Amino acid sequence: MAGRLVPGRALLSYGLHCAHLAGLPHQVLKRAAWILDTLKNDNQVERLGSENIIAKDQQYKDAMEKLLAFDAQKGDLLHFFEEIFSSQS
């Protein structure tokens, strides 16, 4: 019988082991293990929120809003990208 992909969580995963072999930093692996354990216990995962992360998130949201509002028929694509990338510095 062939396997198939279905939505949801896996009972067993080698993701952390593969991440370790790939050389991901210990802090990243530690956080990932904590998240997996939290989800396994049906608890909500709280997002880490440093000022830098929050600022980047806002930049991404702003860029996405501009992208969704962009008129591809009438807009200047070069100007559009200049505006997005200049606001991310």
PDB file of N, CA and C in Angstrom:
ATOM      1  N   MET A   1       0.846  -1.177   0.000  1.00  0.00           N
ATOM      2  CA  MET A   1       0.000   0.000   0.000  1.00  0.00           C
ATOM      3  C   MET A   1       0.895   1.244   0.000  1.00  0.00           C
ATOM      4  N   ALA A   2       0.623   2.173  -0.867  1.00  0.00           N
ATOM      5  CA  ALA A   2       1.408   3.400  -0.971  1.00  0.00           C
ATOM      6  C   ALA A   2       0.974   4.387   0.116  1.00  0.00           C
ATOM      7  N   GLY A   3       1.935   5.163   0.614  1.00  0.00           N
ATOM      8  CA  GLY A   3       1.625   6.175   1.615  1.00  0.00           C
ATOM      9  C   GLY A   3       0.989   7.390   0.967  1.00  0.00           C
ATOM     10  N   ARG A   4       0.400   8.234   1.775  1.00  0.00           N
ATOM     11  CA  ARG A   4      -0.198   9.461   1.260  1.00  0.00           C
ATOM     12  C   ARG A   4      -0.060  10.559   2.305  1.00  0.00           C
ATOM     13  N   LEU A   5      -0.083  11.773   1.856  1.00  0.00           N
ATOM     14  CA  LEU A   5      -0.004  12.924   2.743  1.00  0.00           C
ATOM     15  C   LEU A   5      -1.406  13.334   3.160  1.00  0.00           C
ATOM     16  N   VAL A   6      -1.551  13.628   4.433  1.00  0.00           N
ATOM     17  CA  VAL A   6      -2.825  14.111   4.949  1.00  0.00           C
ATOM     18  C   VAL A   6      -2.553  15.273   5.902  1.00  0.00           C
ATOM     19  N   PRO A   7      -3.500  16.180   6.039  1.00  0.00           N
ATOM     20  CA  PRO A   7      -3.308  17.294   6.975  1.00  0.00           C
ATOM     21  C   PRO A   7      -3.186  16.784   8.413  1.00  0.00           C
ATOM     22  N   GLY A   8      -2.448  17.513   9.211  1.00  0.00           N
ATOM     23  CA  GLY A   8      -2.339  17.172  10.627  1.00  0.00           C
ATOM     24  C   GLY A   8      -0.906  16.924  11.049  1.00  0.00           C
ATOM     25  N   ARG A   9      -0.767  16.463  12.289  1.00  0.00           N
ATOM     26  CA  ARG A   9       0.553  16.207  12.857  1.00  0.00           C
ATOM     27  C   ARG A   9       0.955  14.752  12.665  1.00  0.00           C
ATOM     28  N   ALA A  10       2.247  14.529  12.620  1.00  0.00           N
ATOM     29  CA  ALA A  10       2.769  13.168  12.518  1.00  0.00           C
ATOM     30  C   ALA A  10       3.039  12.634  13.924  1.00  0.00           C
ATOM     31  N   LEU A  11       2.838  11.340  14.110  1.00  0.00           N
ATOM     32  CA  LEU A  11       3.136  10.742  15.409  1.00  0.00           C
ATOM     33  C   LEU A  11       4.643  10.718  15.657  1.00  0.00           C
ATOM     34  N   LEU A  12       5.391  10.426  14.618  1.00  0.00           N
ATOM     35  CA  LEU A  12       6.845  10.415  14.714  1.00  0.00           C
ATOM     36  C   LEU A  12       7.410  11.322  13.638  1.00  0.00           C
ATOM     37  N   SER A  13       8.463  12.041  13.980  1.00  0.00           N
ATOM     38  CA  SER A  13       9.083  12.914  13.004  1.00  0.00           C
ATOM     39  C   SER A  13      10.582  12.916  13.220  1.00  0.00           C
ATOM     40  N   TYR A  14      11.306  12.933  12.131  1.00  0.00           N
ATOM     41  CA  TYR A  14      12.756  13.001  12.210  1.00  0.00           C
ATOM     42  C   TYR A  14      13.235  14.412  11.860  1.00  0.00           C
ATOM     43  N   GLY A  15      12.327  15.370  11.878  1.00  0.00           N
ATOM     44  CA  GLY A  15      12.655  16.738  11.512  1.00  0.00           C
ATOM     45  C   GLY A  15      13.735  17.344  12.384  1.00  0.00           C
ATOM     46  N   LEU A  16      13.619  17.168  13.698  1.00  0.00           N
ATOM     47  CA  LEU A  16      14.631  17.725  14.597  1.00  0.00           C
ATOM     48  C   LEU A  16      15.983  17.060  14.383  1.00  0.00           C
ATOM     49  N   HIS A  17      15.963  15.768  14.172  1.00  0.00           N
ATOM     50  CA  HIS A  17      17.214  15.052  13.938  1.00  0.00           C
ATOM     51  C   HIS A  17      17.872  15.551  12.642  1.00  0.00           C
ATOM     52  N   CYS A  18      17.074  15.722  11.593  1.00  0.00           N
ATOM     53  CA  CYS A  18      17.602  16.228  10.328  1.00  0.00           C
ATOM     54  C   CYS A  18      18.135  17.653  10.492  1.00  0.00           C
ATOM     55  N   ALA A  19      17.417  18.473  11.268  1.00  0.00           N
ATOM     56  CA  ALA A  19      17.864  19.847  11.513  1.00  0.00           C
ATOM     57  C   ALA A  19      19.193  19.850  12.257  1.00  0.00           C
ATOM     58  N   HIS A  20      19.336  18.941  13.211  1.00  0.00           N
ATOM     59  CA  HIS A  20      20.594  18.811  13.951  1.00  0.00           C
ATOM     60  C   HIS A  20      21.729  18.413  13.008  1.00  0.00           C
ATOM     61  N   LEU A  21      21.472  17.422  12.163  1.00  0.00           N
ATOM     62  CA  LEU A  21      22.490  16.980  11.209  1.00  0.00           C
ATOM     63  C   LEU A  21      22.854  18.087  10.217  1.00  0.00           C
ATOM     64  N   ALA A  22      21.878  18.950   9.921  1.00  0.00           N
ATOM     65  CA  ALA A  22      22.121  20.044   8.981  1.00  0.00           C
ATOM     66  C   ALA A  22      22.899  21.192   9.628  1.00  0.00           C
ATOM     67  N   GLY A  23      23.067  21.119  10.944  1.00  0.00           N
ATOM     68  CA  GLY A  23      23.874  22.122  11.625  1.00  0.00           C
ATOM     69  C   GLY A  23      23.127  23.342  12.125  1.00  0.00           C
ATOM     70  N   LEU A  24      21.815  23.242  12.290  1.00  0.00           N
ATOM     71  CA  LEU A  24      21.082  24.382  12.831  1.00  0.00           C
ATOM     72  C   LEU A  24      21.557  24.672  14.247  1.00  0.00           C
ATOM     73  N   PRO A  25      21.534  25.935  14.652  1.00  0.00           N
ATOM     74  CA  PRO A  25      22.001  26.309  15.987  1.00  0.00           C
ATOM     75  C   PRO A  25      21.211  25.615  17.095  1.00  0.00           C
ATOM     76  N   HIS A  26      21.898  25.363  18.203  1.00  0.00           N
ATOM     77  CA  HIS A  26      21.295  24.676  19.347  1.00  0.00           C
ATOM     78  C   HIS A  26      20.034  25.394  19.844  1.00  0.00           C
ATOM     79  N   GLN A  27      20.068  26.734  19.878  1.00  0.00           N
ATOM     80  CA  GLN A  27      18.914  27.491  20.361  1.00  0.00           C
ATOM     81  C   GLN A  27      17.691  27.272  19.474  1.00  0.00           C
ATOM     82  N   VAL A  28      17.904  27.139  18.174  1.00  0.00           N
ATOM     83  CA  VAL A  28      16.795  26.893  17.243  1.00  0.00           C
ATOM     84  C   VAL A  28      16.213  25.505  17.489  1.00  0.00           C
ATOM     85  N   LEU A  29      17.083  24.516  17.666  1.00  0.00           N
ATOM     86  CA  LEU A  29      16.625  23.148  17.933  1.00  0.00           C
ATOM     87  C   LEU A  29      15.887  23.065  19.268  1.00  0.00           C
ATOM     88  N   LYS A  30      16.396  23.776  20.253  1.00  0.00           N
ATOM     89  CA  LYS A  30      15.768  23.785  21.574  1.00  0.00           C
ATOM     90  C   LYS A  30      14.360  24.383  21.491  1.00  0.00           C
ATOM     91  N   ARG A  31      14.222  25.491  20.782  1.00  0.00           N
ATOM     92  CA  ARG A  31      12.914  26.134  20.620  1.00  0.00           C
ATOM     93  C   ARG A  31      11.964  25.227  19.836  1.00  0.00           C
ATOM     94  N   ALA A  32      12.472  24.585  18.786  1.00  0.00           N
ATOM     95  CA  ALA A  32      11.639  23.675  17.991  1.00  0.00           C
ATOM     96  C   ALA A  32      11.155  22.501  18.832  1.00  0.00           C
ATOM     97  N   ALA A  33      12.028  21.943  19.662  1.00  0.00           N
ATOM     98  CA  ALA A  33      11.637  20.828  20.531  1.00  0.00           C
ATOM     99  C   ALA A  33      10.570  21.281  21.523  1.00  0.00           C
ATOM    100  N   TRP A  34      10.737  22.490  22.054  1.00  0.00           N
ATOM    101  CA  TRP A  34       9.754  23.016  22.998  1.00  0.00           C
ATOM    102  C   TRP A  34       8.398  23.203  22.310  1.00  0.00           C
ATOM    103  N   ILE A  35       8.412  23.731  21.082  1.00  0.00           N
ATOM    104  CA  ILE A  35       7.164  23.933  20.334  1.00  0.00           C
ATOM    105  C   ILE A  35       6.482  22.596  20.062  1.00  0.00           C
ATOM    106  N   LEU A  36       7.252  21.600  19.640  1.00  0.00           N
ATOM    107  CA  LEU A  36       6.671  20.271  19.383  1.00  0.00           C
ATOM    108  C   LEU A  36       6.035  19.692  20.640  1.00  0.00           C
ATOM    109  N   ASP A  37       6.720  19.826  21.768  1.00  0.00           N
ATOM    110  CA  ASP A  37       6.185  19.318  23.025  1.00  0.00           C
ATOM    111  C   ASP A  37       4.914  20.072  23.422  1.00  0.00           C
ATOM    112  N   THR A  38       4.924  21.372  23.219  1.00  0.00           N
ATOM    113  CA  THR A  38       3.756  22.191  23.547  1.00  0.00           C
ATOM    114  C   THR A  38       2.557  21.790  22.692  1.00  0.00           C
ATOM    115  N   LEU A  39       2.781  21.601  21.401  1.00  0.00           N
ATOM    116  CA  LEU A  39       1.692  21.198  20.509  1.00  0.00           C
ATOM    117  C   LEU A  39       1.198  19.796  20.827  1.00  0.00           C
ATOM    118  N   LYS A  40       2.133  18.913  21.191  1.00  0.00           N
ATOM    119  CA  LYS A  40       1.756  17.538  21.533  1.00  0.00           C
ATOM    120  C   LYS A  40       0.800  17.525  22.716  1.00  0.00           C
ATOM    121  N   ASN A  41       0.977  18.475  23.628  1.00  0.00           N
ATOM    122  CA  ASN A  41       0.114  18.566  24.802  1.00  0.00           C
ATOM    123  C   ASN A  41      -1.105  19.455  24.572  1.00  0.00           C
ATOM    124  N   ASP A  42      -1.362  19.769  23.293  1.00  0.00           N
ATOM    125  CA  ASP A  42      -2.502  20.604  22.889  1.00  0.00           C
ATOM    126  C   ASP A  42      -2.520  21.965  23.577  1.00  0.00           C
ATOM    127  N   ASN A  43      -1.343  22.521  23.806  1.00  0.00           N
ATOM    128  CA  ASN A  43      -1.240  23.864  24.359  1.00  0.00           C
ATOM    129  C   ASN A  43      -0.922  24.851  23.244  1.00  0.00           C
ATOM    130  N   GLN A  44      -1.217  26.108  23.497  1.00  0.00           N
ATOM    131  CA  GLN A  44      -0.965  27.145  22.495  1.00  0.00           C
ATOM    132  C   GLN A  44       0.490  27.599  22.585  1.00  0.00           C
ATOM    133  N   VAL A  45       1.098  27.772  21.440  1.00  0.00           N
ATOM    134  CA  VAL A  45       2.485  28.232  21.372  1.00  0.00           C
ATOM    135  C   VAL A  45       2.483  29.749  21.338  1.00  0.00           C
ATOM    136  N   GLU A  46       3.209  30.339  22.270  1.00  0.00           N
ATOM    137  CA  GLU A  46       3.335  31.788  22.274  1.00  0.00           C
ATOM    138  C   GLU A  46       4.532  32.180  21.442  1.00  0.00           C
ATOM    139  N   ARG A  47       4.342  33.171  20.630  1.00  0.00           N
ATOM    140  CA  ARG A  47       5.395  33.634  19.727  1.00  0.00           C
ATOM    141  C   ARG A  47       6.395  34.478  20.487  1.00  0.00           C
ATOM    142  N   LEU A  48       7.672  34.268  20.164  1.00  0.00           N
ATOM    143  CA  LEU A  48       8.700  35.122  20.729  1.00  0.00           C
ATOM    144  C   LEU A  48       8.538  36.498  20.116  1.00  0.00           C
ATOM    145  N   GLY A  49       8.676  37.534  20.907  1.00  0.00           N
ATOM    146  CA  GLY A  49       8.428  38.865  20.377  1.00  0.00           C
ATOM    147  C   GLY A  49       9.467  39.890  20.773  1.00  0.00           C
ATOM    148  N   SER A  50      10.588  39.851  20.139  1.00  0.00           N
ATOM    149  CA  SER A  50      11.552  40.922  20.371  1.00  0.00           C
ATOM    150  C   SER A  50      11.147  42.114  19.512  1.00  0.00           C
ATOM    151  N   GLU A  51      11.674  43.281  19.830  1.00  0.00           N
ATOM    152  CA  GLU A  51      11.347  44.471  19.047  1.00  0.00           C
ATOM    153  C   GLU A  51      11.751  44.299  17.588  1.00  0.00           C
ATOM    154  N   ASN A  52      12.872  43.640  17.357  1.00  0.00           N
ATOM    155  CA  ASN A  52      13.353  43.426  15.994  1.00  0.00           C
ATOM    156  C   ASN A  52      12.386  42.545  15.202  1.00  0.00           C
ATOM    157  N   ILE A  53      11.908  41.468  15.828  1.00  0.00           N
ATOM    158  CA  ILE A  53      10.966  40.567  15.161  1.00  0.00           C
ATOM    159  C   ILE A  53       9.655  41.290  14.872  1.00  0.00           C
ATOM    160  N   ILE A  54       9.171  42.048  15.838  1.00  0.00           N
ATOM    161  CA  ILE A  54       7.915  42.779  15.662  1.00  0.00           C
ATOM    162  C   ILE A  54       8.050  43.818  14.546  1.00  0.00           C
ATOM    163  N   ALA A  55       9.184  44.509  14.492  1.00  0.00           N
ATOM    164  CA  ALA A  55       9.410  45.511  13.444  1.00  0.00           C
ATOM    165  C   ALA A  55       9.466  44.844  12.073  1.00  0.00           C
ATOM    166  N   LYS A  56      10.158  43.703  11.959  1.00  0.00           N
ATOM    167  CA  LYS A  56      10.226  42.980  10.680  1.00  0.00           C
ATOM    168  C   LYS A  56       8.843  42.507  10.254  1.00  0.00           C
ATOM    169  N   ASP A  57       8.076  41.975  11.198  1.00  0.00           N
ATOM    170  CA  ASP A  57       6.716  41.541  10.885  1.00  0.00           C
ATOM    171  C   ASP A  57       5.891  42.690  10.304  1.00  0.00           C
ATOM    172  N   GLN A  58       6.024  43.871  10.902  1.00  0.00           N
ATOM    173  CA  GLN A  58       5.277  45.027  10.414  1.00  0.00           C
ATOM    174  C   GLN A  58       5.726  45.412   9.010  1.00  0.00           C
ATOM    175  N   GLN A  59       7.026  45.331   8.758  1.00  0.00           N
ATOM    176  CA  GLN A  59       7.528  45.621   7.410  1.00  0.00           C
ATOM    177  C   GLN A  59       6.944  44.651   6.396  1.00  0.00           C
ATOM    178  N   TYR A  60       6.890  43.369   6.747  1.00  0.00           N
ATOM    179  CA  TYR A  60       6.335  42.369   5.840  1.00  0.00           C
ATOM    180  C   TYR A  60       4.849  42.618   5.595  1.00  0.00           C
ATOM    181  N   LYS A  61       4.125  42.968   6.652  1.00  0.00           N
ATOM    182  CA  LYS A  61       2.695  43.255   6.507  1.00  0.00           C
ATOM    183  C   LYS A  61       2.482  44.469   5.604  1.00  0.00           C
ATOM    184  N   ASP A  62       3.293  45.518   5.825  1.00  0.00           N
ATOM    185  CA  ASP A  62       3.181  46.717   4.992  1.00  0.00           C
ATOM    186  C   ASP A  62       3.476  46.399   3.528  1.00  0.00           C
ATOM    187  N   ALA A  63       4.526  45.622   3.286  1.00  0.00           N
ATOM    188  CA  ALA A  63       4.895  45.252   1.915  1.00  0.00           C
ATOM    189  C   ALA A  63       3.775  44.442   1.269  1.00  0.00           C
ATOM    190  N   MET A  64       3.168  43.556   2.032  1.00  0.00           N
ATOM    191  CA  MET A  64       2.089  42.730   1.488  1.00  0.00           C
ATOM    192  C   MET A  64       0.860  43.573   1.151  1.00  0.00           C
ATOM    193  N   GLU A  65       0.544  44.540   2.006  1.00  0.00           N
ATOM    194  CA  GLU A  65      -0.578  45.431   1.716  1.00  0.00           C
ATOM    195  C   GLU A  65      -0.326  46.223   0.435  1.00  0.00           C
ATOM    196  N   LYS A  66       0.909  46.710   0.268  1.00  0.00           N
ATOM    197  CA  LYS A  66       1.254  47.442  -0.952  1.00  0.00           C
ATOM    198  C   LYS A  66       1.160  46.536  -2.173  1.00  0.00           C
ATOM    199  N   LEU A  67       1.608  45.300  -2.020  1.00  0.00           N
ATOM    200  CA  LEU A  67       1.556  44.355  -3.131  1.00  0.00           C
ATOM    201  C   LEU A  67       0.109  44.065  -3.531  1.00  0.00           C
ATOM    202  N   LEU A  68      -0.750  43.865  -2.553  1.00  0.00           N
ATOM    203  CA  LEU A  68      -2.155  43.587  -2.848  1.00  0.00           C
ATOM    204  C   LEU A  68      -2.858  44.794  -3.475  1.00  0.00           C
ATOM    205  N   ALA A  69      -2.411  45.997  -3.125  1.00  0.00           N
ATOM    206  CA  ALA A  69      -3.029  47.210  -3.664  1.00  0.00           C
ATOM    207  C   ALA A  69      -2.437  47.618  -5.009  1.00  0.00           C
ATOM    208  N   PHE A  70      -1.341  47.004  -5.401  1.00  0.00           N
ATOM    209  CA  PHE A  70      -0.658  47.393  -6.639  1.00  0.00           C
ATOM    210  C   PHE A  70      -1.500  47.050  -7.861  1.00  0.00           C
ATOM    211  N   ASP A  71      -1.636  48.021  -8.755  1.00  0.00           N
ATOM    212  CA  ASP A  71      -2.370  47.821 -10.008  1.00  0.00           C
ATOM    213  C   ASP A  71      -1.360  47.424 -11.087  1.00  0.00           C
ATOM    214  N   ALA A  72      -1.336  46.149 -11.440  1.00  0.00           N
ATOM    215  CA  ALA A  72      -0.348  45.632 -12.392  1.00  0.00           C
ATOM    216  C   ALA A  72      -0.545  46.209 -13.787  1.00  0.00           C
ATOM    217  N   GLN A  73      -1.759  46.648 -14.117  1.00  0.00           N
ATOM    218  CA  GLN A  73      -2.036  47.196 -15.452  1.00  0.00           C
ATOM    219  C   GLN A  73      -1.526  48.631 -15.597  1.00  0.00           C
ATOM    220  N   LYS A  74      -1.603  49.402 -14.511  1.00  0.00           N
ATOM    221  CA  LYS A  74      -1.280  50.830 -14.594  1.00  0.00           C
ATOM    222  C   LYS A  74      -0.052  51.220 -13.782  1.00  0.00           C
ATOM    223  N   GLY A  75       0.399  50.354 -12.894  1.00  0.00           N
ATOM    224  CA  GLY A  75       1.474  50.719 -11.983  1.00  0.00           C
ATOM    225  C   GLY A  75       2.864  50.588 -12.576  1.00  0.00           C
ATOM    226  N   ASP A  76       3.803  51.279 -11.962  1.00  0.00           N
ATOM    227  CA  ASP A  76       5.212  51.230 -12.347  1.00  0.00           C
ATOM    228  C   ASP A  76       5.895  50.214 -11.428  1.00  0.00           C
ATOM    229  N   LEU A  77       6.192  49.045 -11.958  1.00  0.00           N
ATOM    230  CA  LEU A  77       6.745  47.965 -11.152  1.00  0.00           C
ATOM    231  C   LEU A  77       8.104  48.322 -10.553  1.00  0.00           C
ATOM    232  N   LEU A  78       8.950  48.994 -11.302  1.00  0.00           N
ATOM    233  CA  LEU A  78      10.264  49.396 -10.796  1.00  0.00           C
ATOM    234  C   LEU A  78      10.105  50.327  -9.596  1.00  0.00           C
ATOM    235  N   HIS A  79       9.247  51.322  -9.729  1.00  0.00           N
ATOM    236  CA  HIS A  79       8.992  52.246  -8.625  1.00  0.00           C
ATOM    237  C   HIS A  79       8.406  51.496  -7.425  1.00  0.00           C
ATOM    238  N   PHE A  80       7.530  50.567  -7.688  1.00  0.00           N
ATOM    239  CA  PHE A  80       6.905  49.770  -6.628  1.00  0.00           C
ATOM    240  C   PHE A  80       7.965  49.050  -5.790  1.00  0.00           C
ATOM    241  N   PHE A  81       8.901  48.361  -6.458  1.00  0.00           N
ATOM    242  CA  PHE A  81       9.926  47.629  -5.726  1.00  0.00           C
ATOM    243  C   PHE A  81      10.922  48.559  -5.040  1.00  0.00           C
ATOM    244  N   GLU A  82      11.237  49.684  -5.665  1.00  0.00           N
ATOM    245  CA  GLU A  82      12.112  50.661  -5.021  1.00  0.00           C
ATOM    246  C   GLU A  82      11.485  51.162  -3.724  1.00  0.00           C
ATOM    247  N   GLU A  83      10.200  51.403  -3.759  1.00  0.00           N
ATOM    248  CA  GLU A  83       9.491  51.892  -2.580  1.00  0.00           C
ATOM    249  C   GLU A  83       9.472  50.851  -1.465  1.00  0.00           C
ATOM    250  N   ILE A  84       9.229  49.608  -1.822  1.00  0.00           N
ATOM    251  CA  ILE A  84       9.179  48.540  -0.808  1.00  0.00           C
ATOM    252  C   ILE A  84      10.553  48.317  -0.190  1.00  0.00           C
ATOM    253  N   PHE A  85      11.581  48.197  -1.015  1.00  0.00           N
ATOM    254  CA  PHE A  85      12.898  47.881  -0.489  1.00  0.00           C
ATOM    255  C   PHE A  85      13.552  49.061   0.216  1.00  0.00           C
ATOM    256  N   SER A  86      13.220  50.287  -0.166  1.00  0.00           N
ATOM    257  CA  SER A  86      13.795  51.441   0.535  1.00  0.00           C
ATOM    258  C   SER A  86      13.176  51.588   1.913  1.00  0.00           C
ATOM    259  N   SER A  87      11.952  51.132   2.093  1.00  0.00           N
ATOM    260  CA  SER A  87      11.290  51.247   3.400  1.00  0.00           C
ATOM    261  C   SER A  87      11.735  50.146   4.362  1.00  0.00           C
ATOM    262  N   GLN A  88      12.495  49.156   3.899  1.00  0.00           N
ATOM    263  CA  GLN A  88      12.925  48.062   4.772  1.00  0.00           C
ATOM    264  C   GLN A  88      14.313  48.283   5.339  1.00  0.00           C
ATOM    265  N   SER A  89      14.888  49.430   5.164  1.00  0.00           N
ATOM    266  CA  SER A  89      16.222  49.650   5.722  1.00  0.00           C
ATOM    267  C   SER A  89      16.159  50.260   7.096  1.00  0.00           C
TER     268      SER A  89
END
